[in-house]
Amino acid sequence: MPNRGDPPPWKALPSSGEPLRARTLAEALLYLRVRGAAILGARRYEERGLQQVEVRALHDGEEKRFTFVLSHLDAGDHLHLGGGAASVLLDPADLVLFASRVERELRASLDGISAPVLNRHLRDLELAAEAADEALKFIRRRSDEVPRSAMTTAAARWLWDQDPERFSREQLIALGDRLRRRTIWYQEVLRRLEG
């Protein structure tokens, strides 16, 4: 077991030939992003009656291709992660880390920001708020936190062990609310920039 100061390596990306199941395109793209991949493009197609997407991504300086079988038809946008059930592709640590990173990294001051950059930040904020909501789906009825057993890797369990409160219903709701408030602020600034 690693000491408390050294997290185990985060989840590695699968080999690029191995198809993965995702509920939506947004969930597939987020899966790659939380593993440090930069999305280069995505191509949807149907094969044997299944909706699929091939994603080109840059990871560790190398271009790779990943195939996802989609279980939900979506409008093709990059915002909706899935349906009512918890994800089997992303675990709560993936979702919380992404939402927290977006909250931390986006600029507090929007002075001098261009509309295209603000639009990109706005999409990330909307997706991060949804990620916080998705993490709530892992909380069992009559419980107040995501159980440690929902963490699928040593790295995710390590993160839970460091700060289980981060996975509490109260903290996840607060994170989503902060992200939604910032989304509203960004939308107002964008309207002024475009108006």
N, C-alpha and C. Protein backbone atom coordinates (compact mmCIF):
# COMPACT_ATOMS: atom_id res chain seq x y z
N MET A 1 0.85 -1.19 0.00
CA MET A 1 0.00 0.00 0.00
C MET A 1 0.89 1.24 0.00
N PRO A 2 0.60 2.22 -0.90
CA PRO A 2 1.42 3.42 -0.95
C PRO A 2 1.25 4.24 0.32
N ASN A 3 2.29 5.04 0.64
CA ASN A 3 2.12 5.90 1.81
C ASN A 3 1.14 7.01 1.45
N ARG A 4 0.64 7.68 2.46
CA ARG A 4 -0.43 8.67 2.25
C ARG A 4 -0.01 9.82 1.34
N GLY A 5 1.28 10.05 1.20
CA GLY A 5 1.72 11.16 0.38
C GLY A 5 1.92 10.82 -1.08
N ASP A 6 1.96 9.55 -1.42
CA ASP A 6 2.24 9.14 -2.80
C ASP A 6 1.06 8.41 -3.40
N PRO A 7 0.29 9.09 -4.29
CA PRO A 7 -0.84 8.39 -4.89
C PRO A 7 -0.34 7.35 -5.88
N PRO A 8 -1.08 6.25 -6.02
CA PRO A 8 -0.73 5.28 -7.05
C PRO A 8 -0.97 5.90 -8.42
N PRO A 9 -0.42 5.32 -9.47
CA PRO A 9 -0.67 5.88 -10.81
C PRO A 9 -2.16 5.89 -11.12
N TRP A 10 -2.59 6.93 -11.83
CA TRP A 10 -3.99 7.01 -12.21
C TRP A 10 -4.27 5.99 -13.28
N LYS A 11 -5.50 5.79 -13.59
CA LYS A 11 -5.91 4.80 -14.57
C LYS A 11 -5.21 5.06 -15.91
N ALA A 12 -4.69 4.01 -16.47
CA ALA A 12 -4.08 4.11 -17.80
C ALA A 12 -5.18 4.00 -18.85
N LEU A 13 -4.90 4.53 -20.01
CA LEU A 13 -5.83 4.36 -21.13
C LEU A 13 -5.71 2.93 -21.64
N PRO A 14 -6.81 2.36 -22.09
CA PRO A 14 -6.73 1.02 -22.66
C PRO A 14 -6.03 1.07 -24.00
N SER A 15 -5.68 -0.08 -24.51
CA SER A 15 -5.11 -0.10 -25.86
C SER A 15 -6.15 0.47 -26.80
N SER A 16 -5.69 1.17 -27.83
CA SER A 16 -6.62 1.90 -28.67
C SER A 16 -7.51 0.99 -29.53
N GLY A 17 -7.28 -0.31 -29.58
CA GLY A 17 -8.13 -1.20 -30.37
C GLY A 17 -9.29 -1.78 -29.59
N GLU A 18 -9.29 -1.66 -28.29
CA GLU A 18 -10.27 -2.28 -27.42
C GLU A 18 -11.52 -1.39 -27.30
N PRO A 19 -12.70 -1.84 -27.82
CA PRO A 19 -13.89 -0.98 -27.72
C PRO A 19 -14.36 -0.86 -26.27
N LEU A 20 -14.82 0.32 -25.91
CA LEU A 20 -15.34 0.60 -24.57
C LEU A 20 -16.81 0.95 -24.68
N ARG A 21 -17.55 0.74 -23.62
CA ARG A 21 -18.97 1.12 -23.59
C ARG A 21 -19.11 2.46 -22.89
N ALA A 22 -19.83 3.36 -23.54
CA ALA A 22 -20.15 4.67 -22.95
C ALA A 22 -21.62 4.93 -23.18
N ARG A 23 -22.23 5.68 -22.28
CA ARG A 23 -23.63 6.01 -22.48
C ARG A 23 -23.79 7.03 -23.59
N THR A 24 -22.91 8.03 -23.63
CA THR A 24 -23.02 9.12 -24.60
C THR A 24 -21.64 9.52 -25.09
N LEU A 25 -21.62 10.33 -26.13
CA LEU A 25 -20.37 10.88 -26.63
C LEU A 25 -19.67 11.70 -25.55
N ALA A 26 -20.43 12.50 -24.81
CA ALA A 26 -19.84 13.33 -23.76
C ALA A 26 -19.13 12.46 -22.72
N GLU A 27 -19.72 11.34 -22.34
CA GLU A 27 -19.09 10.46 -21.36
C GLU A 27 -17.80 9.87 -21.93
N ALA A 28 -17.81 9.48 -23.20
CA ALA A 28 -16.60 8.93 -23.83
C ALA A 28 -15.48 9.97 -23.85
N LEU A 29 -15.80 11.19 -24.23
CA LEU A 29 -14.79 12.25 -24.30
C LEU A 29 -14.25 12.60 -22.92
N LEU A 30 -15.14 12.64 -21.93
CA LEU A 30 -14.69 12.95 -20.57
C LEU A 30 -13.78 11.85 -20.04
N TYR A 31 -14.09 10.61 -20.34
CA TYR A 31 -13.24 9.48 -19.94
C TYR A 31 -11.80 9.69 -20.42
N LEU A 32 -11.66 10.11 -21.67
CA LEU A 32 -10.32 10.34 -22.22
C LEU A 32 -9.68 11.58 -21.60
N ARG A 33 -10.46 12.63 -21.41
CA ARG A 33 -9.90 13.88 -20.86
C ARG A 33 -9.36 13.69 -19.45
N VAL A 34 -10.08 12.94 -18.60
CA VAL A 34 -9.61 12.79 -17.22
C VAL A 34 -8.34 11.95 -17.15
N ARG A 35 -8.02 11.28 -18.22
CA ARG A 35 -6.78 10.50 -18.29
C ARG A 35 -5.68 11.25 -19.04
N GLY A 36 -5.90 12.55 -19.25
CA GLY A 36 -4.86 13.39 -19.82
C GLY A 36 -4.78 13.41 -21.33
N ALA A 37 -5.79 12.90 -22.01
CA ALA A 37 -5.78 12.90 -23.47
C ALA A 37 -6.40 14.19 -24.01
N ALA A 38 -5.81 14.72 -25.05
CA ALA A 38 -6.36 15.89 -25.74
C ALA A 38 -7.16 15.37 -26.93
N ILE A 39 -8.41 15.73 -27.00
CA ILE A 39 -9.30 15.24 -28.06
C ILE A 39 -8.97 15.98 -29.36
N LEU A 40 -8.73 15.20 -30.41
CA LEU A 40 -8.43 15.77 -31.72
C LEU A 40 -9.63 15.73 -32.65
N GLY A 41 -10.50 14.77 -32.45
CA GLY A 41 -11.68 14.65 -33.31
C GLY A 41 -12.46 13.39 -32.99
N ALA A 42 -13.71 13.37 -33.45
CA ALA A 42 -14.56 12.20 -33.21
C ALA A 42 -15.41 11.97 -34.45
N ARG A 43 -15.60 10.70 -34.79
CA ARG A 43 -16.41 10.31 -35.94
C ARG A 43 -17.43 9.28 -35.49
N ARG A 44 -18.71 9.62 -35.67
CA ARG A 44 -19.79 8.70 -35.32
C ARG A 44 -20.11 7.80 -36.51
N TYR A 45 -20.51 6.58 -36.22
CA TYR A 45 -20.96 5.66 -37.25
C TYR A 45 -21.79 4.57 -36.61
N GLU A 46 -22.47 3.80 -37.46
CA GLU A 46 -23.26 2.67 -36.97
C GLU A 46 -22.67 1.40 -37.54
N GLU A 47 -22.53 0.41 -36.68
CA GLU A 47 -22.00 -0.88 -37.11
C GLU A 47 -22.80 -1.98 -36.42
N ARG A 48 -23.36 -2.88 -37.21
CA ARG A 48 -24.19 -3.99 -36.71
C ARG A 48 -25.29 -3.48 -35.77
N GLY A 49 -25.89 -2.36 -36.16
CA GLY A 49 -27.00 -1.79 -35.39
C GLY A 49 -26.59 -1.05 -34.13
N LEU A 50 -25.28 -0.91 -33.88
CA LEU A 50 -24.80 -0.22 -32.69
C LEU A 50 -24.23 1.14 -33.06
N GLN A 51 -24.62 2.16 -32.29
CA GLN A 51 -24.04 3.49 -32.46
C GLN A 51 -22.63 3.46 -31.88
N GLN A 52 -21.67 3.88 -32.67
CA GLN A 52 -20.29 3.89 -32.20
C GLN A 52 -19.65 5.23 -32.52
N VAL A 53 -18.56 5.50 -31.84
CA VAL A 53 -17.79 6.70 -32.12
C VAL A 53 -16.32 6.32 -32.04
N GLU A 54 -15.57 6.80 -33.02
CA GLU A 54 -14.12 6.64 -32.99
C GLU A 54 -13.54 8.01 -32.64
N VAL A 55 -12.73 8.03 -31.60
CA VAL A 55 -12.16 9.29 -31.12
C VAL A 55 -10.66 9.27 -31.35
N ARG A 56 -10.17 10.33 -31.98
CA ARG A 56 -8.73 10.51 -32.11
C ARG A 56 -8.29 11.41 -30.97
N ALA A 57 -7.24 10.99 -30.28
CA ALA A 57 -6.78 11.76 -29.13
C ALA A 57 -5.26 11.72 -29.05
N LEU A 58 -4.69 12.77 -28.52
CA LEU A 58 -3.25 12.85 -28.29
C LEU A 58 -3.00 12.53 -26.82
N HIS A 59 -2.16 11.52 -26.59
CA HIS A 59 -1.87 11.11 -25.21
C HIS A 59 -0.39 10.76 -25.12
N ASP A 60 0.30 11.37 -24.18
CA ASP A 60 1.74 11.16 -24.00
C ASP A 60 2.50 11.38 -25.31
N GLY A 61 2.09 12.43 -26.05
CA GLY A 61 2.78 12.82 -27.28
C GLY A 61 2.50 11.92 -28.46
N GLU A 62 1.56 11.00 -28.33
CA GLU A 62 1.28 10.05 -29.41
C GLU A 62 -0.21 10.10 -29.76
N GLU A 63 -0.52 10.13 -31.06
CA GLU A 63 -1.92 10.10 -31.48
C GLU A 63 -2.44 8.67 -31.39
N LYS A 64 -3.61 8.52 -30.77
CA LYS A 64 -4.22 7.20 -30.61
C LYS A 64 -5.69 7.29 -31.02
N ARG A 65 -6.27 6.15 -31.33
CA ARG A 65 -7.69 6.07 -31.68
C ARG A 65 -8.39 5.14 -30.69
N PHE A 66 -9.57 5.57 -30.27
CA PHE A 66 -10.36 4.80 -29.32
C PHE A 66 -11.76 4.65 -29.86
N THR A 67 -12.32 3.47 -29.72
CA THR A 67 -13.68 3.21 -30.16
C THR A 67 -14.57 3.01 -28.95
N PHE A 68 -15.72 3.67 -28.98
CA PHE A 68 -16.72 3.55 -27.93
C PHE A 68 -18.03 3.11 -28.56
N VAL A 69 -18.70 2.16 -27.94
CA VAL A 69 -20.06 1.78 -28.30
C VAL A 69 -20.98 2.59 -27.40
N LEU A 70 -21.88 3.36 -28.01
CA LEU A 70 -22.76 4.25 -27.26
C LEU A 70 -24.09 3.57 -26.96
N SER A 71 -24.52 3.62 -25.72
CA SER A 71 -25.79 2.99 -25.35
C SER A 71 -26.97 3.95 -25.42
N HIS A 72 -26.72 5.25 -25.44
CA HIS A 72 -27.80 6.24 -25.53
C HIS A 72 -27.56 7.08 -26.78
N LEU A 73 -28.62 7.32 -27.51
CA LEU A 73 -28.52 8.27 -28.60
C LEU A 73 -28.56 9.65 -27.99
N ASP A 74 -27.66 10.51 -28.40
CA ASP A 74 -27.69 11.88 -27.91
C ASP A 74 -27.65 12.81 -29.10
N ALA A 75 -27.78 14.08 -28.82
CA ALA A 75 -27.86 15.07 -29.89
C ALA A 75 -26.49 15.36 -30.50
N GLY A 76 -25.45 14.69 -30.02
CA GLY A 76 -24.13 14.94 -30.57
C GLY A 76 -23.39 16.04 -29.85
N ASP A 77 -24.04 16.65 -28.85
CA ASP A 77 -23.32 17.68 -28.12
C ASP A 77 -22.37 17.01 -27.14
N HIS A 78 -21.56 17.80 -26.50
CA HIS A 78 -20.54 17.25 -25.62
C HIS A 78 -20.89 17.46 -24.15
N LEU A 79 -22.19 17.60 -23.82
CA LEU A 79 -22.52 17.99 -22.47
C LEU A 79 -23.26 16.95 -21.65
N HIS A 80 -23.99 16.05 -22.25
CA HIS A 80 -24.83 15.16 -21.46
C HIS A 80 -24.15 13.82 -21.26
N LEU A 81 -23.86 13.52 -19.98
CA LEU A 81 -23.07 12.33 -19.66
C LEU A 81 -23.87 11.04 -19.70
N GLY A 82 -25.15 11.07 -19.41
CA GLY A 82 -25.88 9.82 -19.46
C GLY A 82 -27.22 9.88 -18.78
N GLY A 83 -27.79 8.69 -18.58
CA GLY A 83 -29.14 8.57 -18.05
C GLY A 83 -29.18 8.54 -16.53
N GLY A 84 -30.19 7.85 -16.02
CA GLY A 84 -30.45 7.85 -14.59
C GLY A 84 -29.50 7.02 -13.75
N ALA A 85 -28.90 5.99 -14.33
CA ALA A 85 -28.01 5.12 -13.56
C ALA A 85 -26.60 5.69 -13.52
N ALA A 86 -25.84 5.27 -12.53
CA ALA A 86 -24.44 5.70 -12.41
C ALA A 86 -23.61 5.12 -13.56
N SER A 87 -22.59 5.82 -13.92
CA SER A 87 -21.69 5.41 -15.00
C SER A 87 -20.94 4.13 -14.64
N VAL A 88 -20.69 3.31 -15.64
CA VAL A 88 -19.78 2.18 -15.44
C VAL A 88 -18.42 2.47 -16.07
N LEU A 89 -18.35 3.53 -16.86
CA LEU A 89 -17.09 3.92 -17.50
C LEU A 89 -16.28 4.85 -16.60
N LEU A 90 -16.95 5.82 -16.00
CA LEU A 90 -16.30 6.78 -15.11
C LEU A 90 -16.65 6.44 -13.67
N ASP A 91 -15.67 6.50 -12.79
CA ASP A 91 -16.01 6.28 -11.39
C ASP A 91 -16.14 7.64 -10.70
N PRO A 92 -16.61 7.68 -9.45
CA PRO A 92 -16.82 8.96 -8.78
C PRO A 92 -15.56 9.82 -8.70
N ALA A 93 -14.39 9.19 -8.55
CA ALA A 93 -13.15 9.97 -8.47
C ALA A 93 -12.88 10.69 -9.79
N ASP A 94 -13.13 10.02 -10.93
CA ASP A 94 -12.99 10.68 -12.23
C ASP A 94 -13.84 11.93 -12.28
N LEU A 95 -15.09 11.78 -11.89
CA LEU A 95 -16.05 12.88 -11.98
C LEU A 95 -15.70 14.03 -11.05
N VAL A 96 -15.35 13.71 -9.80
CA VAL A 96 -15.02 14.74 -8.82
C VAL A 96 -13.73 15.45 -9.19
N LEU A 97 -12.73 14.70 -9.64
CA LEU A 97 -11.47 15.34 -10.03
C LEU A 97 -11.66 16.29 -11.21
N PHE A 98 -12.44 15.87 -12.20
CA PHE A 98 -12.69 16.75 -13.34
C PHE A 98 -13.43 18.01 -12.90
N ALA A 99 -14.51 17.85 -12.15
CA ALA A 99 -15.29 19.02 -11.71
C ALA A 99 -14.43 19.96 -10.87
N SER A 100 -13.64 19.41 -9.96
CA SER A 100 -12.78 20.24 -9.10
C SER A 100 -11.70 20.93 -9.90
N ARG A 101 -11.14 20.24 -10.88
CA ARG A 101 -10.08 20.84 -11.70
C ARG A 101 -10.63 22.01 -12.51
N VAL A 102 -11.80 21.83 -13.11
CA VAL A 102 -12.40 22.92 -13.89
C VAL A 102 -12.67 24.12 -12.98
N GLU A 103 -13.23 23.86 -11.81
CA GLU A 103 -13.51 24.96 -10.88
C GLU A 103 -12.23 25.71 -10.52
N ARG A 104 -11.16 24.98 -10.29
CA ARG A 104 -9.89 25.59 -9.88
C ARG A 104 -9.19 26.32 -11.02
N GLU A 105 -9.23 25.74 -12.21
CA GLU A 105 -8.42 26.27 -13.31
C GLU A 105 -9.02 27.44 -14.05
N LEU A 106 -10.34 27.53 -14.07
CA LEU A 106 -10.92 28.62 -14.86
C LEU A 106 -10.72 29.95 -14.16
N ARG A 107 -10.42 30.92 -14.96
CA ARG A 107 -10.04 32.23 -14.45
C ARG A 107 -11.14 32.87 -13.63
N ALA A 108 -10.75 33.46 -12.52
CA ALA A 108 -11.71 34.19 -11.69
C ALA A 108 -12.04 35.52 -12.35
N SER A 109 -11.07 36.10 -13.04
CA SER A 109 -11.28 37.36 -13.73
C SER A 109 -11.44 37.08 -15.23
N LEU A 110 -12.41 37.72 -15.82
CA LEU A 110 -12.66 37.51 -17.25
C LEU A 110 -12.24 38.72 -18.07
N ASP A 111 -11.46 39.62 -17.48
CA ASP A 111 -11.00 40.81 -18.21
C ASP A 111 -10.19 40.39 -19.42
N GLY A 112 -10.56 40.93 -20.58
CA GLY A 112 -9.80 40.71 -21.79
C GLY A 112 -10.00 39.35 -22.44
N ILE A 113 -10.94 38.55 -21.97
CA ILE A 113 -11.16 37.23 -22.54
C ILE A 113 -11.99 37.35 -23.81
N SER A 114 -11.70 36.54 -24.80
CA SER A 114 -12.43 36.58 -26.06
C SER A 114 -13.67 35.68 -25.96
N ALA A 115 -14.66 35.95 -26.82
CA ALA A 115 -15.89 35.16 -26.82
C ALA A 115 -15.63 33.67 -27.10
N PRO A 116 -14.77 33.31 -28.09
CA PRO A 116 -14.53 31.87 -28.33
C PRO A 116 -13.91 31.16 -27.12
N VAL A 117 -12.97 31.82 -26.44
CA VAL A 117 -12.34 31.21 -25.25
C VAL A 117 -13.38 31.10 -24.14
N LEU A 118 -14.18 32.13 -23.95
CA LEU A 118 -15.21 32.11 -22.93
C LEU A 118 -16.24 31.01 -23.22
N ASN A 119 -16.59 30.83 -24.48
CA ASN A 119 -17.51 29.77 -24.87
C ASN A 119 -16.95 28.39 -24.50
N ARG A 120 -15.67 28.17 -24.76
CA ARG A 120 -15.02 26.90 -24.42
C ARG A 120 -15.03 26.68 -22.90
N HIS A 121 -14.72 27.74 -22.14
CA HIS A 121 -14.76 27.65 -20.68
C HIS A 121 -16.18 27.37 -20.19
N LEU A 122 -17.14 28.00 -20.83
CA LEU A 122 -18.54 27.81 -20.45
C LEU A 122 -18.96 26.35 -20.64
N ARG A 123 -18.58 25.74 -21.75
CA ARG A 123 -18.89 24.31 -21.98
C ARG A 123 -18.24 23.43 -20.91
N ASP A 124 -16.99 23.76 -20.55
CA ASP A 124 -16.32 22.99 -19.50
C ASP A 124 -17.03 23.14 -18.15
N LEU A 125 -17.48 24.36 -17.84
CA LEU A 125 -18.21 24.57 -16.59
C LEU A 125 -19.51 23.77 -16.57
N GLU A 126 -20.26 23.79 -17.67
CA GLU A 126 -21.50 23.04 -17.74
C GLU A 126 -21.26 21.55 -17.58
N LEU A 127 -20.22 21.04 -18.23
CA LEU A 127 -19.88 19.62 -18.12
C LEU A 127 -19.41 19.28 -16.71
N ALA A 128 -18.64 20.18 -16.10
CA ALA A 128 -18.16 19.94 -14.74
C ALA A 128 -19.32 19.90 -13.74
N ALA A 129 -20.30 20.78 -13.91
CA ALA A 129 -21.49 20.75 -13.04
C ALA A 129 -22.22 19.43 -13.21
N GLU A 130 -22.34 18.97 -14.43
CA GLU A 130 -23.00 17.69 -14.66
C GLU A 130 -22.16 16.55 -14.06
N ALA A 131 -20.84 16.65 -14.12
CA ALA A 131 -19.98 15.62 -13.52
C ALA A 131 -20.21 15.53 -12.01
N ALA A 132 -20.33 16.68 -11.35
CA ALA A 132 -20.62 16.67 -9.91
C ALA A 132 -21.96 16.00 -9.63
N ASP A 133 -22.96 16.28 -10.48
CA ASP A 133 -24.27 15.64 -10.32
C ASP A 133 -24.17 14.13 -10.57
N GLU A 134 -23.37 13.74 -11.56
CA GLU A 134 -23.19 12.32 -11.85
C GLU A 134 -22.57 11.58 -10.67
N ALA A 135 -21.64 12.21 -9.98
CA ALA A 135 -21.00 11.57 -8.83
C ALA A 135 -22.03 11.28 -7.74
N LEU A 136 -23.06 12.12 -7.64
CA LEU A 136 -24.13 11.89 -6.65
C LEU A 136 -24.87 10.57 -6.90
N LYS A 137 -24.90 10.12 -8.15
CA LYS A 137 -25.60 8.88 -8.48
C LYS A 137 -24.98 7.65 -7.82
N PHE A 138 -23.74 7.77 -7.36
CA PHE A 138 -23.07 6.64 -6.72
C PHE A 138 -23.44 6.53 -5.23
N ILE A 139 -24.13 7.53 -4.70
CA ILE A 139 -24.52 7.49 -3.29
C ILE A 139 -25.76 6.61 -3.16
N ARG A 140 -25.67 5.64 -2.29
CA ARG A 140 -26.79 4.71 -2.08
C ARG A 140 -27.89 5.38 -1.27
N ARG A 141 -29.10 4.87 -1.45
CA ARG A 141 -30.22 5.37 -0.68
C ARG A 141 -29.92 5.25 0.82
N ARG A 142 -30.32 6.23 1.56
CA ARG A 142 -30.11 6.32 3.02
C ARG A 142 -28.64 6.44 3.39
N SER A 143 -27.84 6.93 2.49
CA SER A 143 -26.43 7.16 2.78
C SER A 143 -26.12 8.62 2.46
N ASP A 144 -25.02 9.11 2.99
CA ASP A 144 -24.67 10.51 2.77
C ASP A 144 -23.35 10.69 2.03
N GLU A 145 -22.74 9.58 1.60
CA GLU A 145 -21.49 9.73 0.85
C GLU A 145 -21.34 8.59 -0.15
N VAL A 146 -20.52 8.85 -1.15
CA VAL A 146 -20.17 7.81 -2.11
C VAL A 146 -19.37 6.76 -1.34
N PRO A 147 -19.74 5.48 -1.45
CA PRO A 147 -18.99 4.47 -0.71
C PRO A 147 -17.61 4.23 -1.33
N ARG A 148 -16.67 3.88 -0.50
CA ARG A 148 -15.32 3.57 -0.98
C ARG A 148 -15.36 2.46 -2.03
N SER A 149 -16.31 1.54 -1.90
CA SER A 149 -16.42 0.41 -2.83
C SER A 149 -16.77 0.84 -4.25
N ALA A 150 -17.25 2.08 -4.44
CA ALA A 150 -17.55 2.58 -5.79
C ALA A 150 -16.29 2.97 -6.54
N MET A 151 -15.19 3.09 -5.84
CA MET A 151 -13.92 3.46 -6.47
C MET A 151 -13.33 2.22 -7.15
N THR A 152 -13.01 2.33 -8.42
CA THR A 152 -12.64 1.15 -9.20
C THR A 152 -11.14 0.89 -9.31
N THR A 153 -10.33 1.80 -8.83
CA THR A 153 -8.87 1.60 -8.92
C THR A 153 -8.21 1.97 -7.60
N ALA A 154 -6.96 1.56 -7.48
CA ALA A 154 -6.18 1.91 -6.28
C ALA A 154 -6.05 3.43 -6.16
N ALA A 155 -5.88 4.12 -7.27
CA ALA A 155 -5.74 5.58 -7.23
C ALA A 155 -7.02 6.24 -6.72
N ALA A 156 -8.16 5.77 -7.18
CA ALA A 156 -9.44 6.34 -6.74
C ALA A 156 -9.66 6.05 -5.26
N ARG A 157 -9.35 4.83 -4.82
CA ARG A 157 -9.51 4.50 -3.40
C ARG A 157 -8.55 5.34 -2.55
N TRP A 158 -7.34 5.57 -3.06
CA TRP A 158 -6.37 6.41 -2.35
C TRP A 158 -6.95 7.82 -2.16
N LEU A 159 -7.55 8.35 -3.23
CA LEU A 159 -8.14 9.69 -3.16
C LEU A 159 -9.28 9.71 -2.14
N TRP A 160 -10.12 8.69 -2.14
CA TRP A 160 -11.21 8.61 -1.17
C TRP A 160 -10.65 8.54 0.24
N ASP A 161 -9.60 7.74 0.45
CA ASP A 161 -9.00 7.61 1.78
C ASP A 161 -8.42 8.94 2.27
N GLN A 162 -7.89 9.76 1.36
CA GLN A 162 -7.32 11.05 1.74
C GLN A 162 -8.39 12.02 2.23
N ASP A 163 -9.58 11.98 1.61
CA ASP A 163 -10.61 12.96 1.94
C ASP A 163 -11.99 12.41 1.61
N PRO A 164 -12.50 11.48 2.43
CA PRO A 164 -13.82 10.92 2.13
C PRO A 164 -14.93 11.97 2.13
N GLU A 165 -14.75 13.04 2.88
CA GLU A 165 -15.75 14.12 2.93
C GLU A 165 -15.96 14.74 1.54
N ARG A 166 -14.93 14.71 0.73
CA ARG A 166 -15.02 15.25 -0.64
C ARG A 166 -16.10 14.53 -1.45
N PHE A 167 -16.43 13.30 -1.04
CA PHE A 167 -17.42 12.49 -1.73
C PHE A 167 -18.76 12.44 -1.00
N SER A 168 -18.96 13.39 -0.07
CA SER A 168 -20.23 13.45 0.66
C SER A 168 -21.28 14.13 -0.21
N ARG A 169 -22.53 13.79 0.06
CA ARG A 169 -23.64 14.40 -0.67
C ARG A 169 -23.56 15.93 -0.56
N GLU A 170 -23.31 16.42 0.64
CA GLU A 170 -23.25 17.87 0.88
C GLU A 170 -22.16 18.53 0.03
N GLN A 171 -20.98 17.95 0.01
CA GLN A 171 -19.87 18.53 -0.75
C GLN A 171 -20.11 18.46 -2.26
N LEU A 172 -20.68 17.35 -2.73
CA LEU A 172 -20.95 17.22 -4.17
C LEU A 172 -22.03 18.20 -4.63
N ILE A 173 -23.05 18.37 -3.81
CA ILE A 173 -24.09 19.35 -4.15
C ILE A 173 -23.50 20.76 -4.16
N ALA A 174 -22.67 21.07 -3.17
CA ALA A 174 -22.05 22.40 -3.10
C ALA A 174 -21.14 22.64 -4.31
N LEU A 175 -20.38 21.63 -4.71
CA LEU A 175 -19.51 21.76 -5.88
C LEU A 175 -20.33 22.04 -7.14
N GLY A 176 -21.38 21.26 -7.35
CA GLY A 176 -22.26 21.49 -8.50
C GLY A 176 -22.88 22.87 -8.49
N ASP A 177 -23.32 23.32 -7.31
CA ASP A 177 -23.94 24.65 -7.19
C ASP A 177 -22.94 25.76 -7.52
N ARG A 178 -21.71 25.63 -7.01
CA ARG A 178 -20.68 26.66 -7.32
C ARG A 178 -20.42 26.71 -8.83
N LEU A 179 -20.34 25.55 -9.45
CA LEU A 179 -20.09 25.50 -10.89
C LEU A 179 -21.26 26.10 -11.68
N ARG A 180 -22.49 25.83 -11.24
CA ARG A 180 -23.65 26.40 -11.93
C ARG A 180 -23.71 27.92 -11.76
N ARG A 181 -23.36 28.42 -10.56
CA ARG A 181 -23.32 29.88 -10.36
C ARG A 181 -22.28 30.52 -11.29
N ARG A 182 -21.12 29.89 -11.40
CA ARG A 182 -20.10 30.43 -12.28
C ARG A 182 -20.54 30.34 -13.74
N THR A 183 -21.28 29.30 -14.09
CA THR A 183 -21.81 29.16 -15.44
C THR A 183 -22.73 30.33 -15.76
N ILE A 184 -23.60 30.67 -14.84
CA ILE A 184 -24.52 31.81 -15.06
C ILE A 184 -23.73 33.10 -15.25
N TRP A 185 -22.71 33.29 -14.44
CA TRP A 185 -21.87 34.49 -14.57
C TRP A 185 -21.20 34.51 -15.95
N TYR A 186 -20.63 33.39 -16.37
CA TYR A 186 -19.98 33.32 -17.69
C TYR A 186 -20.99 33.59 -18.80
N GLN A 187 -22.22 33.08 -18.67
CA GLN A 187 -23.24 33.31 -19.69
C GLN A 187 -23.56 34.80 -19.79
N GLU A 188 -23.64 35.48 -18.65
CA GLU A 188 -23.92 36.93 -18.65
C GLU A 188 -22.78 37.69 -19.32
N VAL A 189 -21.55 37.34 -19.01
CA VAL A 189 -20.40 38.01 -19.62
C VAL A 189 -20.39 37.74 -21.12
N LEU A 190 -20.69 36.50 -21.53
CA LEU A 190 -20.72 36.16 -22.95
C LEU A 190 -21.78 36.96 -23.69
N ARG A 191 -22.96 37.11 -23.09
CA ARG A 191 -24.01 37.92 -23.72
C ARG A 191 -23.55 39.36 -23.94
N ARG A 192 -22.84 39.90 -22.96
CA ARG A 192 -22.33 41.27 -23.12
C ARG A 192 -21.27 41.34 -24.23
N LEU A 193 -20.40 40.31 -24.28
CA LEU A 193 -19.37 40.30 -25.32
C LEU A 193 -19.97 40.19 -26.71
N GLU A 194 -21.00 39.39 -26.84
CA GLU A 194 -21.60 39.16 -28.16
C GLU A 194 -22.65 40.19 -28.50
N GLY A 195 -23.14 40.93 -27.48
CA GLY A 195 -24.25 41.87 -27.67
C GLY A 195 -23.82 43.16 -28.21
